Each structure stands twice: as structure tokens, then as C-alpha cells.
């Protein structure tokens, strides 16, 4: 009787080690690649301020497509934002306006988003076309004697909680709780709690993510 075939399995961790080494080399190459952009950023920041410098340079880097663009944007953002984790992914067409923004572990930001002073916590998913400016009062408009552009405003950190998912085209002006899902096209004007599904203009809680749905209006 013939011997059964023997399949040799490589030692555990060898493949993953090579993969991590390749990623490390790619990150280093990306940092070298964006070094001219970083140099111009710091020069421009000294003259015009970090916000304006960040906006123009992140717009430039947002135009680079594919995996290369992801690596270049991440290398740049790691140097200029308050924090950008090495596992964060920012897609084509997305740019930032505030250097105080924070991207935590495994954050994914889809294409063509506009982000201001925002904290995206671990495992947050942001779909395409989402806008998260720096709160809902970036422009005051109460004085009828002045143009809105002359009335000033305030910036506030908007936090999207761990594991939340923001649907396509949503506008988020207030905090979103951990694990919460915001439906596509919604406008979040008030803070949303943890682990709910919300939608609408303005966004309201539709039901909890887990457990029985709340009865609709008029139902006993």
C-alpha cells in the first residue's frame, strides 16, 4: 500500500512576518514619497496657520487613487494630525481641515468625505460622501447687521464612538455613540446614544441595534 502524501506546512507566523515587513517597507516608502508635501506643509503652516496648510495639502493628496494613495495619505496624516493610527485608511477624494482630528485603530474613511475637528474612535466606518465639520456652530448668524462671514463661530470636537457606522452622504454635527448606525443621507444635529439605529433629517433614533424594536407610534 502506498504511503499517503505528506504536505509540509510552513512554520506558523512566517507568512505574517513577511507581510508585516512588506507593510513596514511600504509605509517607509510612503513617508519618503510625501516628504516634499510635508516640507511645504510646515512652511505654509508657519505663514498661514496649520488649518489652511492642512486643507490644501490633504486636498492634493486626496487625488492619488488606489492603495498607493492610501499609504501616502496615511503617511502624511500621521505627521500632521493630533493622532492617526497606522491601521487607519482614508480613501480617494477625502480631505481634512483641522489638525486636531484623531483617527484611531482600524478606522475606515470612504471616498469624498470632508472632515473637520473629529475624533473617529476604534473600528469606526465612514461611508462615501460623509461630512463631519467641527460641530454645528462653525458660523454664527444671529446679527442681522453683519454678513455671516464676519460673525465668527466656534469649533467643537465631534466624536464618533467605537464601532459606529455612518452611512453615505450623512452630515454629522454632533457626537455619535459607540456601535451606532446612522442611515445614509441623515443629518445628525443632536448627540446619539450607543448601539442604536438612527436616521432622518434631523436624525432620530429608529430602534436599538440589539433586542426588540420599540413599538411604533399608535401601537400598544
N, C-alpha and C. Protein backbone atom coordinates (compact mmCIF):
# COMPACT_ATOMS: atom_id res chain seq x y z
N UNK A 1 0.86 -1.19 0.00
CA UNK A 1 0.00 0.00 0.00
C UNK A 1 0.90 1.24 0.00
N UNK A 2 0.57 2.19 -0.85
CA UNK A 2 1.41 3.39 -0.96
C UNK A 2 1.21 4.30 0.25
N UNK A 3 2.27 5.01 0.55
CA UNK A 3 2.21 5.96 1.67
C UNK A 3 1.32 7.14 1.30
N UNK A 4 0.53 7.66 2.25
CA UNK A 4 -0.27 8.86 1.96
C UNK A 4 0.64 10.05 1.72
N UNK A 5 0.20 11.00 0.89
CA UNK A 5 1.03 12.17 0.61
C UNK A 5 1.26 12.98 1.87
N UNK A 6 2.41 13.61 1.93
CA UNK A 6 2.75 14.46 3.08
C UNK A 6 2.84 15.89 2.59
N UNK A 7 2.11 16.76 3.27
CA UNK A 7 2.13 18.18 2.93
C UNK A 7 2.88 18.93 4.02
N UNK A 8 3.88 19.67 3.61
CA UNK A 8 4.69 20.42 4.57
C UNK A 8 4.09 21.81 4.76
N UNK A 9 3.78 22.13 6.01
CA UNK A 9 3.19 23.43 6.35
C UNK A 9 4.30 24.33 6.88
N UNK A 10 4.44 25.53 6.35
CA UNK A 10 5.49 26.42 6.85
C UNK A 10 5.26 26.76 8.31
N UNK A 11 6.30 27.04 9.07
CA UNK A 11 6.15 27.39 10.48
C UNK A 11 5.18 28.55 10.65
N UNK A 12 4.37 28.45 11.70
CA UNK A 12 3.37 29.48 11.97
C UNK A 12 4.04 30.83 12.15
N UNK A 13 3.46 31.85 11.51
CA UNK A 13 3.95 33.21 11.68
C UNK A 13 4.90 33.67 10.60
N UNK A 14 5.46 32.73 9.79
CA UNK A 14 6.43 33.15 8.77
C UNK A 14 5.76 34.05 7.73
N UNK A 15 4.59 33.61 7.24
CA UNK A 15 3.90 34.40 6.23
C UNK A 15 3.48 35.75 6.76
N UNK A 16 2.95 35.76 7.97
CA UNK A 16 2.50 37.02 8.55
C UNK A 16 3.68 37.95 8.81
N UNK A 17 4.84 37.35 9.17
CA UNK A 17 6.03 38.16 9.38
C UNK A 17 6.49 38.84 8.11
N UNK A 18 6.46 38.12 7.00
CA UNK A 18 6.83 38.71 5.72
C UNK A 18 5.85 39.80 5.31
N UNK A 19 4.58 39.55 5.59
CA UNK A 19 3.55 40.53 5.25
C UNK A 19 3.76 41.82 6.03
N UNK A 20 4.05 41.69 7.33
CA UNK A 20 4.28 42.88 8.15
C UNK A 20 5.53 43.62 7.70
N UNK A 21 6.56 42.87 7.30
CA UNK A 21 7.78 43.51 6.81
C UNK A 21 7.50 44.29 5.53
N UNK A 22 6.69 43.70 4.64
CA UNK A 22 6.34 44.39 3.40
C UNK A 22 5.55 45.67 3.69
N UNK A 23 4.63 45.57 4.65
CA UNK A 23 3.85 46.76 5.01
C UNK A 23 4.74 47.84 5.60
N UNK A 24 5.69 47.41 6.43
CA UNK A 24 6.62 48.38 7.02
C UNK A 24 7.44 49.09 5.95
N UNK A 25 7.89 48.32 4.96
CA UNK A 25 8.66 48.92 3.87
C UNK A 25 7.80 49.88 3.06
N UNK A 26 6.54 49.51 2.84
CA UNK A 26 5.63 50.38 2.09
C UNK A 26 5.36 51.67 2.85
N UNK A 27 5.22 51.59 4.17
CA UNK A 27 4.99 52.79 4.98
C UNK A 27 6.20 53.73 4.93
N UNK A 28 7.39 53.13 4.98
CA UNK A 28 8.60 53.94 4.90
C UNK A 28 8.71 54.62 3.54
N UNK A 29 8.42 53.87 2.48
CA UNK A 29 8.46 54.44 1.13
C UNK A 29 7.44 55.57 0.99
N UNK A 30 6.26 55.38 1.59
CA UNK A 30 5.23 56.42 1.52
C UNK A 30 5.67 57.68 2.25
N UNK A 31 6.33 57.50 3.40
CA UNK A 31 6.81 58.66 4.14
C UNK A 31 7.85 59.44 3.33
N UNK A 32 8.73 58.70 2.68
CA UNK A 32 9.72 59.36 1.81
C UNK A 32 9.00 60.06 0.66
N UNK A 33 7.98 59.40 0.11
CA UNK A 33 7.25 59.97 -1.02
C UNK A 33 6.53 61.27 -0.69
N UNK A 34 6.01 61.39 0.53
CA UNK A 34 5.27 62.60 0.89
C UNK A 34 6.16 63.66 1.54
N UNK A 35 7.45 63.38 1.68
CA UNK A 35 8.33 64.34 2.37
C UNK A 35 8.33 65.73 1.72
N UNK A 36 8.27 65.87 0.37
CA UNK A 36 8.17 67.22 -0.18
C UNK A 36 6.87 67.92 0.21
N UNK A 37 5.77 67.15 0.28
CA UNK A 37 4.49 67.73 0.68
C UNK A 37 4.54 68.15 2.15
N UNK A 38 5.17 67.32 2.98
CA UNK A 38 5.33 67.67 4.39
C UNK A 38 6.16 68.93 4.56
N UNK A 39 7.24 69.05 3.79
CA UNK A 39 8.09 70.23 3.89
C UNK A 39 7.30 71.49 3.53
N UNK A 40 6.53 71.42 2.45
CA UNK A 40 5.73 72.58 2.04
C UNK A 40 4.62 72.86 3.05
N UNK A 41 4.10 71.78 3.69
CA UNK A 41 3.07 71.95 4.72
C UNK A 41 3.61 72.77 5.88
N UNK A 42 4.77 72.38 6.42
CA UNK A 42 5.31 73.08 7.58
C UNK A 42 5.68 74.52 7.25
N UNK A 43 6.16 74.76 6.04
CA UNK A 43 6.47 76.13 5.62
C UNK A 43 5.19 76.95 5.54
N UNK A 44 4.18 76.38 4.90
CA UNK A 44 2.90 77.08 4.75
C UNK A 44 2.23 77.28 6.11
N UNK A 45 2.36 76.30 7.01
CA UNK A 45 1.76 76.41 8.34
C UNK A 45 2.36 77.57 9.11
N UNK A 46 3.65 77.80 8.95
CA UNK A 46 4.30 78.91 9.64
C UNK A 46 3.81 80.25 9.14
N UNK A 47 3.41 80.30 7.87
CA UNK A 47 2.98 81.57 7.27
C UNK A 47 1.48 81.81 7.42
N UNK A 48 0.66 80.75 7.22
CA UNK A 48 -0.79 80.92 7.15
C UNK A 48 -1.56 80.19 8.23
N UNK A 49 -0.88 79.34 9.00
CA UNK A 49 -1.57 78.56 10.01
C UNK A 49 -1.72 77.12 9.58
N UNK A 50 -1.79 76.21 10.56
CA UNK A 50 -1.82 74.78 10.27
C UNK A 50 -3.11 74.35 9.59
N UNK A 51 -4.24 74.99 9.93
CA UNK A 51 -5.51 74.60 9.33
C UNK A 51 -5.51 74.78 7.82
N UNK A 52 -5.13 75.95 7.37
CA UNK A 52 -5.11 76.22 5.93
C UNK A 52 -4.07 75.37 5.22
N UNK A 53 -2.94 75.17 5.87
CA UNK A 53 -1.90 74.33 5.27
C UNK A 53 -2.38 72.89 5.14
N UNK A 54 -3.05 72.38 6.16
CA UNK A 54 -3.56 71.01 6.12
C UNK A 54 -4.60 70.84 5.03
N UNK A 55 -5.52 71.78 4.93
CA UNK A 55 -6.60 71.66 3.95
C UNK A 55 -6.05 71.57 2.53
N UNK A 56 -5.11 72.44 2.18
CA UNK A 56 -4.61 72.45 0.80
C UNK A 56 -3.79 71.20 0.50
N UNK A 57 -2.95 70.75 1.46
CA UNK A 57 -2.12 69.58 1.19
C UNK A 57 -2.92 68.29 1.20
N UNK A 58 -3.93 68.20 2.07
CA UNK A 58 -4.74 66.99 2.07
C UNK A 58 -5.62 66.92 0.83
N UNK A 59 -6.03 68.08 0.30
CA UNK A 59 -6.74 68.08 -0.97
C UNK A 59 -5.86 67.54 -2.08
N UNK A 60 -4.60 67.96 -2.08
CA UNK A 60 -3.66 67.48 -3.10
C UNK A 60 -3.49 65.96 -3.02
N UNK A 61 -3.24 65.45 -1.82
CA UNK A 61 -3.02 64.01 -1.65
C UNK A 61 -4.28 63.20 -1.84
N UNK A 62 -5.44 63.84 -1.69
CA UNK A 62 -6.70 63.11 -1.88
C UNK A 62 -6.90 62.67 -3.33
N UNK A 63 -6.15 63.27 -4.25
CA UNK A 63 -6.33 62.97 -5.67
C UNK A 63 -5.59 61.71 -6.12
N UNK A 64 -4.77 61.14 -5.23
CA UNK A 64 -3.99 59.96 -5.61
C UNK A 64 -4.84 58.72 -5.35
N UNK A 65 -5.16 57.93 -6.39
CA UNK A 65 -6.08 56.79 -6.22
C UNK A 65 -5.39 55.53 -5.72
N UNK A 66 -6.21 54.54 -5.38
CA UNK A 66 -5.73 53.20 -5.10
C UNK A 66 -4.96 53.05 -3.81
N UNK A 67 -4.29 51.90 -3.70
CA UNK A 67 -3.55 51.55 -2.49
C UNK A 67 -2.40 52.53 -2.25
N UNK A 68 -1.76 52.97 -3.33
CA UNK A 68 -0.67 53.94 -3.18
C UNK A 68 -1.17 55.21 -2.51
N UNK A 69 -2.33 55.68 -2.94
CA UNK A 69 -2.92 56.87 -2.33
C UNK A 69 -3.21 56.67 -0.86
N UNK A 70 -3.71 55.50 -0.50
CA UNK A 70 -3.98 55.21 0.91
C UNK A 70 -2.71 55.34 1.75
N UNK A 71 -1.62 54.75 1.26
CA UNK A 71 -0.37 54.81 2.00
C UNK A 71 0.18 56.23 2.09
N UNK A 72 0.10 56.99 1.00
CA UNK A 72 0.61 58.36 1.01
C UNK A 72 -0.19 59.24 1.96
N UNK A 73 -1.51 59.12 1.91
CA UNK A 73 -2.35 59.94 2.80
C UNK A 73 -2.08 59.59 4.26
N UNK A 74 -1.98 58.29 4.55
CA UNK A 74 -1.75 57.89 5.94
C UNK A 74 -0.39 58.40 6.43
N UNK A 75 0.64 58.30 5.59
CA UNK A 75 1.96 58.79 5.98
C UNK A 75 1.93 60.28 6.29
N UNK A 76 1.21 61.03 5.49
CA UNK A 76 1.09 62.48 5.71
C UNK A 76 0.30 62.77 6.97
N UNK A 77 -0.86 62.13 7.11
CA UNK A 77 -1.74 62.42 8.25
C UNK A 77 -1.12 62.01 9.58
N UNK A 78 -0.29 60.97 9.58
CA UNK A 78 0.38 60.57 10.81
C UNK A 78 1.32 61.66 11.32
N UNK A 79 1.82 62.49 10.41
CA UNK A 79 2.75 63.55 10.81
C UNK A 79 2.05 64.85 11.20
N UNK A 80 0.82 65.06 10.72
CA UNK A 80 0.22 66.40 10.88
C UNK A 80 -1.04 66.42 11.74
N UNK A 81 -1.73 65.30 11.89
CA UNK A 81 -2.92 65.28 12.74
C UNK A 81 -2.53 65.05 14.20
N UNK A 82 -3.48 65.32 15.11
CA UNK A 82 -3.23 65.05 16.52
C UNK A 82 -2.88 63.58 16.72
N UNK A 83 -3.59 62.70 16.00
CA UNK A 83 -3.25 61.27 16.03
C UNK A 83 -3.87 60.59 14.82
N UNK A 84 -3.09 59.73 14.18
CA UNK A 84 -3.58 58.90 13.08
C UNK A 84 -2.92 57.54 13.22
N UNK A 85 -3.70 56.52 13.54
CA UNK A 85 -3.16 55.19 13.77
C UNK A 85 -2.66 54.58 12.46
N UNK A 86 -1.59 53.78 12.51
CA UNK A 86 -1.05 53.17 11.29
C UNK A 86 -2.04 52.26 10.55
N UNK A 87 -3.12 51.82 11.21
CA UNK A 87 -4.10 50.96 10.54
C UNK A 87 -5.27 51.74 9.96
N UNK A 88 -5.30 53.04 10.14
CA UNK A 88 -6.41 53.84 9.59
C UNK A 88 -6.30 53.92 8.07
N UNK A 89 -7.45 53.92 7.40
CA UNK A 89 -7.49 54.00 5.94
C UNK A 89 -8.35 55.19 5.53
N UNK A 90 -7.81 56.02 4.65
CA UNK A 90 -8.52 57.19 4.12
C UNK A 90 -8.54 57.08 2.61
N UNK A 91 -9.72 57.07 2.04
CA UNK A 91 -9.86 56.81 0.60
C UNK A 91 -9.75 58.08 -0.25
N UNK A 92 -9.80 57.86 -1.55
CA UNK A 92 -9.67 58.89 -2.59
C UNK A 92 -10.68 60.03 -2.38
N UNK A 93 -10.21 61.26 -2.57
CA UNK A 93 -11.10 62.41 -2.57
C UNK A 93 -11.45 62.95 -1.20
N UNK A 94 -10.95 62.35 -0.13
CA UNK A 94 -11.26 62.80 1.23
C UNK A 94 -10.18 63.75 1.71
N UNK A 95 -10.59 64.85 2.36
CA UNK A 95 -9.60 65.76 2.91
C UNK A 95 -10.03 66.27 4.28
N UNK A 96 -9.04 66.80 5.01
CA UNK A 96 -9.21 67.27 6.37
C UNK A 96 -8.95 68.77 6.43
N UNK A 97 -9.61 69.45 7.39
CA UNK A 97 -9.41 70.88 7.54
C UNK A 97 -8.84 71.28 8.89
N UNK A 98 -8.83 70.34 9.87
CA UNK A 98 -8.39 70.69 11.21
C UNK A 98 -7.32 69.72 11.69
N UNK A 99 -6.13 70.23 12.07
CA UNK A 99 -5.06 69.35 12.51
C UNK A 99 -5.34 68.66 13.85
N UNK A 100 -6.37 69.08 14.57
CA UNK A 100 -6.72 68.43 15.83
C UNK A 100 -7.49 67.13 15.66
N UNK A 101 -7.76 66.71 14.42
CA UNK A 101 -8.52 65.48 14.17
C UNK A 101 -7.75 64.26 14.66
N UNK A 102 -8.52 63.22 15.06
CA UNK A 102 -7.95 61.99 15.59
C UNK A 102 -8.56 60.79 14.87
N UNK A 103 -7.71 59.90 14.35
CA UNK A 103 -8.16 58.65 13.73
C UNK A 103 -7.55 57.50 14.51
N UNK A 104 -8.40 56.70 15.13
CA UNK A 104 -7.93 55.60 15.95
C UNK A 104 -7.78 54.31 15.13
N UNK A 105 -7.50 53.22 15.82
CA UNK A 105 -7.18 51.94 15.20
C UNK A 105 -8.30 51.42 14.30
N UNK A 106 -7.93 50.96 13.11
CA UNK A 106 -8.84 50.32 12.15
C UNK A 106 -9.98 51.21 11.67
N UNK A 107 -9.81 52.51 11.76
CA UNK A 107 -10.80 53.43 11.20
C UNK A 107 -10.77 53.34 9.68
N UNK A 108 -11.96 53.38 9.07
CA UNK A 108 -12.06 53.42 7.61
C UNK A 108 -12.88 54.65 7.22
N UNK A 109 -12.31 55.49 6.37
CA UNK A 109 -13.00 56.68 5.85
C UNK A 109 -13.15 56.51 4.35
N UNK A 110 -14.37 56.49 3.88
CA UNK A 110 -14.64 56.26 2.47
C UNK A 110 -14.30 57.44 1.58
N UNK A 111 -14.56 57.32 0.28
CA UNK A 111 -14.18 58.37 -0.67
C UNK A 111 -15.02 59.63 -0.53
N UNK A 112 -14.38 60.76 -0.87
CA UNK A 112 -15.03 62.07 -1.00
C UNK A 112 -15.72 62.53 0.29
N UNK A 113 -15.06 62.33 1.41
CA UNK A 113 -15.56 62.85 2.68
C UNK A 113 -14.84 64.16 3.02
N UNK A 114 -15.50 64.98 3.84
CA UNK A 114 -14.91 66.24 4.31
C UNK A 114 -14.96 66.20 5.83
N UNK A 115 -13.79 66.25 6.46
CA UNK A 115 -13.70 66.08 7.90
C UNK A 115 -13.00 67.26 8.55
N UNK A 116 -13.61 67.77 9.62
CA UNK A 116 -13.03 68.87 10.38
C UNK A 116 -12.44 68.36 11.68
N UNK A 117 -12.85 68.99 12.79
CA UNK A 117 -12.36 68.61 14.11
C UNK A 117 -13.16 67.40 14.58
N UNK A 118 -12.63 66.22 14.34
CA UNK A 118 -13.38 64.99 14.57
C UNK A 118 -12.50 63.95 15.23
N UNK A 119 -13.10 63.16 16.10
CA UNK A 119 -12.41 62.01 16.70
C UNK A 119 -13.15 60.76 16.27
N UNK A 120 -12.54 59.99 15.40
CA UNK A 120 -13.10 58.72 14.95
C UNK A 120 -12.45 57.61 15.77
N UNK A 121 -13.23 57.03 16.65
CA UNK A 121 -12.69 56.02 17.56
C UNK A 121 -12.48 54.68 16.85
N UNK A 122 -11.93 53.74 17.58
CA UNK A 122 -11.54 52.44 17.03
C UNK A 122 -12.68 51.78 16.25
N UNK A 123 -12.35 51.24 15.07
CA UNK A 123 -13.26 50.44 14.24
C UNK A 123 -14.44 51.22 13.66
N UNK A 124 -14.37 52.53 13.62
CA UNK A 124 -15.43 53.33 13.00
C UNK A 124 -15.38 53.17 11.49
N UNK A 125 -16.56 53.07 10.87
CA UNK A 125 -16.69 53.01 9.41
C UNK A 125 -17.42 54.26 8.92
N UNK A 126 -16.80 54.98 8.01
CA UNK A 126 -17.40 56.17 7.42
C UNK A 126 -17.58 55.91 5.93
N UNK A 127 -18.82 55.90 5.46
CA UNK A 127 -19.09 55.63 4.04
C UNK A 127 -18.74 56.86 3.20
N UNK A 128 -18.94 56.74 1.89
CA UNK A 128 -18.58 57.81 0.97
C UNK A 128 -19.45 59.05 1.11
N UNK A 129 -18.85 60.21 0.85
CA UNK A 129 -19.58 61.46 0.80
C UNK A 129 -20.07 61.99 2.13
N UNK A 130 -19.52 61.50 3.24
CA UNK A 130 -19.93 61.96 4.57
C UNK A 130 -19.22 63.27 4.90
N UNK A 131 -19.94 64.16 5.57
CA UNK A 131 -19.35 65.42 6.03
C UNK A 131 -19.46 65.49 7.55
N UNK A 132 -18.31 65.71 8.20
CA UNK A 132 -18.30 65.90 9.65
C UNK A 132 -17.50 67.17 9.93
N UNK A 133 -18.15 68.33 9.87
CA UNK A 133 -17.46 69.57 10.20
C UNK A 133 -17.23 69.67 11.71
N UNK A 134 -16.71 70.78 12.14
CA UNK A 134 -16.34 70.94 13.55
C UNK A 134 -17.52 71.41 14.38
N UNK A 135 -18.57 70.57 14.47
CA UNK A 135 -19.76 70.93 15.23
C UNK A 135 -20.75 71.72 14.40
N UNK A 136 -21.86 72.11 15.05
CA UNK A 136 -22.94 72.78 14.34
C UNK A 136 -22.93 74.29 14.41
N UNK A 137 -21.88 74.88 15.02
CA UNK A 137 -21.85 76.34 15.17
C UNK A 137 -20.55 76.93 14.62
N UNK A 138 -20.11 76.40 13.50
CA UNK A 138 -18.89 76.94 12.90
C UNK A 138 -19.11 78.35 12.35
N UNK A 139 -20.38 78.73 12.16
CA UNK A 139 -20.70 80.10 11.74
C UNK A 139 -21.88 80.60 12.57
N UNK A 140 -21.69 81.75 13.24
CA UNK A 140 -22.82 82.42 13.89
C UNK A 140 -23.60 83.19 12.82
N UNK A 141 -24.90 83.39 13.09
CA UNK A 141 -25.72 84.11 12.10
C UNK A 141 -26.82 84.94 12.76
N UNK A 142 -26.61 85.32 14.04
CA UNK A 142 -27.66 85.99 14.81
C UNK A 142 -27.72 87.51 14.59
N UNK A 143 -26.63 88.11 14.11
CA UNK A 143 -26.58 89.56 13.96
C UNK A 143 -27.03 89.96 12.56
N UNK A 144 -28.21 90.61 12.44
CA UNK A 144 -28.71 90.97 11.11
C UNK A 144 -27.93 92.10 10.45
N UNK A 145 -27.05 92.76 11.21
CA UNK A 145 -26.32 93.91 10.65
C UNK A 145 -24.99 93.51 10.01
N UNK A 146 -24.61 92.23 10.16
CA UNK A 146 -23.33 91.79 9.62
C UNK A 146 -23.51 90.61 8.70
N UNK A 147 -22.69 90.51 7.64
CA UNK A 147 -22.68 89.27 6.85
C UNK A 147 -22.26 88.09 7.72
N UNK A 148 -22.76 86.91 7.40
CA UNK A 148 -22.43 85.74 8.20
C UNK A 148 -20.93 85.51 8.28
N UNK A 149 -20.22 85.78 7.20
CA UNK A 149 -18.78 85.53 7.19
C UNK A 149 -18.02 86.39 8.19
N UNK A 150 -18.65 87.47 8.67
CA UNK A 150 -17.98 88.36 9.63
C UNK A 150 -18.41 88.11 11.07
N UNK A 151 -19.28 87.15 11.30
CA UNK A 151 -19.82 86.94 12.64
C UNK A 151 -19.07 85.89 13.46
N UNK A 152 -18.08 85.28 12.87
CA UNK A 152 -17.30 84.32 13.63
C UNK A 152 -18.05 83.01 13.85
N UNK A 153 -17.55 82.21 14.77
CA UNK A 153 -18.15 80.91 15.07
C UNK A 153 -17.29 80.17 16.06
N UNK A 154 -17.61 78.92 16.28
CA UNK A 154 -16.83 78.11 17.21
C UNK A 154 -16.66 76.71 16.66
N UNK A 155 -15.54 76.11 16.97
CA UNK A 155 -15.27 74.73 16.55
C UNK A 155 -15.35 73.83 17.77
N UNK A 156 -15.99 72.69 17.58
CA UNK A 156 -16.15 71.72 18.66
C UNK A 156 -15.78 70.34 18.14
N UNK A 157 -15.07 69.58 18.96
CA UNK A 157 -14.71 68.22 18.59
C UNK A 157 -15.97 67.36 18.49
N UNK A 158 -16.16 66.70 17.35
CA UNK A 158 -17.26 65.75 17.15
C UNK A 158 -16.68 64.35 17.26
N UNK A 159 -17.23 63.56 18.19
CA UNK A 159 -16.73 62.21 18.43
C UNK A 159 -17.68 61.18 17.85
N UNK A 160 -17.15 60.28 17.04
CA UNK A 160 -17.91 59.14 16.54
C UNK A 160 -17.40 57.92 17.29
N UNK A 161 -18.28 57.30 18.09
CA UNK A 161 -17.87 56.28 19.03
C UNK A 161 -17.41 54.98 18.38
N UNK A 162 -16.68 54.23 19.15
CA UNK A 162 -16.08 52.97 18.71
C UNK A 162 -17.08 52.06 18.01
N UNK A 163 -16.72 51.59 16.83
CA UNK A 163 -17.55 50.63 16.10
C UNK A 163 -18.77 51.21 15.42
N UNK A 164 -18.94 52.53 15.43
CA UNK A 164 -20.10 53.14 14.76
C UNK A 164 -19.94 53.09 13.25
N UNK A 165 -21.08 53.20 12.55
CA UNK A 165 -21.09 53.18 11.08
C UNK A 165 -21.94 54.34 10.60
N UNK A 166 -21.32 55.23 9.82
CA UNK A 166 -22.01 56.40 9.27
C UNK A 166 -22.28 56.15 7.79
N UNK A 167 -23.55 56.16 7.39
CA UNK A 167 -23.93 55.85 6.02
C UNK A 167 -23.61 56.95 5.03
N UNK A 168 -23.67 56.61 3.76
CA UNK A 168 -23.29 57.51 2.66
C UNK A 168 -24.04 58.83 2.72
N UNK A 169 -23.31 59.92 2.52
CA UNK A 169 -23.91 61.23 2.38
C UNK A 169 -24.44 61.83 3.67
N UNK A 170 -24.21 61.22 4.80
CA UNK A 170 -24.68 61.78 6.07
C UNK A 170 -23.87 63.02 6.44
N UNK A 171 -24.51 63.90 7.21
CA UNK A 171 -23.84 65.07 7.76
C UNK A 171 -23.93 64.95 9.27
N UNK A 172 -22.79 64.97 9.94
CA UNK A 172 -22.74 64.72 11.38
C UNK A 172 -22.23 65.97 12.08
N UNK A 173 -23.12 66.61 12.85
CA UNK A 173 -22.79 67.84 13.56
C UNK A 173 -22.69 67.64 15.06
N UNK A 174 -22.99 66.43 15.55
CA UNK A 174 -22.96 66.14 16.98
C UNK A 174 -22.43 64.73 17.20
N UNK A 175 -22.11 64.41 18.44
CA UNK A 175 -21.49 63.12 18.76
C UNK A 175 -22.40 61.95 18.42
N UNK A 176 -21.76 60.85 18.02
CA UNK A 176 -22.47 59.60 17.72
C UNK A 176 -21.94 58.53 18.68
N UNK A 177 -22.85 57.80 19.34
CA UNK A 177 -22.46 56.83 20.34
C UNK A 177 -21.77 55.60 19.77
N UNK A 178 -21.17 54.82 20.66
CA UNK A 178 -20.48 53.59 20.27
C UNK A 178 -21.45 52.60 19.63
N UNK A 179 -21.02 52.00 18.53
CA UNK A 179 -21.81 50.97 17.89
C UNK A 179 -23.07 51.44 17.20
N UNK A 180 -23.26 52.73 17.09
CA UNK A 180 -24.48 53.27 16.48
C UNK A 180 -24.37 53.32 14.96
N UNK A 181 -25.50 53.08 14.30
CA UNK A 181 -25.57 53.14 12.84
C UNK A 181 -26.39 54.37 12.45
N UNK A 182 -25.83 55.20 11.59
CA UNK A 182 -26.52 56.38 11.08
C UNK A 182 -26.86 56.14 9.62
N UNK A 183 -28.14 56.20 9.29
CA UNK A 183 -28.60 55.89 7.94
C UNK A 183 -28.06 56.89 6.92
N UNK A 184 -27.94 56.42 5.68
CA UNK A 184 -27.46 57.27 4.59
C UNK A 184 -28.33 58.51 4.44
N UNK A 185 -27.69 59.65 4.21
CA UNK A 185 -28.40 60.89 3.97
C UNK A 185 -28.92 61.59 5.20
N UNK A 186 -28.66 61.05 6.37
CA UNK A 186 -29.16 61.65 7.61
C UNK A 186 -28.36 62.89 7.99
N UNK A 187 -28.97 63.73 8.83
CA UNK A 187 -28.28 64.90 9.38
C UNK A 187 -28.36 64.82 10.90
N UNK A 188 -27.23 64.58 11.52
CA UNK A 188 -27.17 64.42 12.98
C UNK A 188 -26.95 65.79 13.60
N UNK A 189 -27.96 66.31 14.28
CA UNK A 189 -27.87 67.64 14.90
C UNK A 189 -27.77 67.56 16.42
N UNK A 190 -28.14 66.41 17.01
CA UNK A 190 -28.05 66.22 18.46
C UNK A 190 -27.34 64.90 18.74
N UNK A 191 -26.67 64.79 19.90
CA UNK A 191 -25.92 63.56 20.21
C UNK A 191 -26.82 62.32 20.16
N UNK A 192 -26.26 61.23 19.64
CA UNK A 192 -26.97 59.96 19.56
C UNK A 192 -26.37 58.99 20.57
N UNK A 193 -27.19 58.16 21.23
CA UNK A 193 -26.69 57.22 22.24
C UNK A 193 -25.98 56.03 21.60
N UNK A 194 -25.46 55.16 22.45
CA UNK A 194 -24.77 53.96 21.99
C UNK A 194 -25.75 52.94 21.40
N UNK A 195 -25.27 52.19 20.42
CA UNK A 195 -25.94 50.99 19.91
C UNK A 195 -27.39 51.19 19.51
N UNK A 196 -27.63 52.24 18.72
CA UNK A 196 -28.95 52.44 18.14
C UNK A 196 -28.82 52.59 16.64
N UNK A 197 -29.94 52.51 15.94
CA UNK A 197 -30.01 52.84 14.52
C UNK A 197 -30.79 54.14 14.40
N UNK A 198 -30.19 55.13 13.76
CA UNK A 198 -30.80 56.45 13.66
C UNK A 198 -30.84 56.89 12.22
N UNK A 199 -31.81 57.74 11.89
CA UNK A 199 -31.91 58.23 10.52
C UNK A 199 -32.86 59.41 10.44
N UNK A 200 -32.80 60.10 9.31
CA UNK A 200 -33.72 61.21 9.07
C UNK A 200 -33.04 62.55 9.12
N UNK A 201 -33.84 63.59 8.83
CA UNK A 201 -33.38 64.98 8.85
C UNK A 201 -34.35 65.79 9.69
N UNK A 202 -34.00 66.12 10.93
CA UNK A 202 -32.78 65.72 11.63
C UNK A 202 -32.86 64.25 12.06
N UNK A 203 -31.71 63.65 12.33
CA UNK A 203 -31.66 62.23 12.68
C UNK A 203 -32.30 61.96 14.04
N UNK A 204 -33.11 60.89 14.08
CA UNK A 204 -33.73 60.44 15.32
C UNK A 204 -33.50 58.95 15.47
N UNK A 205 -33.57 58.48 16.72
CA UNK A 205 -33.39 57.05 16.98
C UNK A 205 -34.58 56.29 16.41
N UNK A 206 -34.31 55.30 15.55
CA UNK A 206 -35.37 54.47 14.97
C UNK A 206 -35.63 53.25 15.85
N UNK A 207 -34.56 52.62 16.27
CA UNK A 207 -34.69 51.46 17.15
C UNK A 207 -33.33 51.09 17.71
N UNK A 208 -33.29 50.26 18.76
CA UNK A 208 -32.00 49.76 19.23
C UNK A 208 -31.39 48.81 18.20
N UNK A 209 -30.08 48.71 18.18
CA UNK A 209 -29.43 47.74 17.29
C UNK A 209 -29.69 46.32 17.74
N UNK A 210 -29.78 46.11 19.03
CA UNK A 210 -29.91 44.78 19.58
C UNK A 210 -31.19 44.70 20.42
N UNK A 211 -31.83 43.55 20.40
CA UNK A 211 -33.06 43.39 21.17
C UNK A 211 -34.27 43.79 20.36
N UNK A 212 -35.47 43.70 20.95
CA UNK A 212 -36.70 44.01 20.22
C UNK A 212 -36.80 45.47 19.85
N UNK A 213 -37.39 45.72 18.69
CA UNK A 213 -37.60 47.11 18.27
C UNK A 213 -38.67 47.76 19.12
N UNK A 214 -38.53 49.06 19.32
CA UNK A 214 -39.55 49.81 20.07
C UNK A 214 -40.84 49.87 19.26
N UNK A 215 -42.02 49.81 19.91
CA UNK A 215 -43.27 49.89 19.17
C UNK A 215 -43.44 51.24 18.50
N UNK A 216 -44.03 51.23 17.30
CA UNK A 216 -44.25 52.48 16.57
C UNK A 216 -45.35 53.28 17.24
N UNK A 217 -45.39 54.56 16.88
CA UNK A 217 -46.39 55.45 17.47
C UNK A 217 -47.80 54.95 17.16
N UNK A 218 -48.65 54.90 18.17
CA UNK A 218 -50.02 54.44 17.97
C UNK A 218 -50.22 52.97 18.26
N UNK A 219 -49.09 52.20 18.39
CA UNK A 219 -49.20 50.79 18.71
C UNK A 219 -49.18 50.59 20.22
N UNK A 220 -49.89 49.60 20.69
CA UNK A 220 -49.92 49.34 22.13
C UNK A 220 -48.80 48.37 22.49
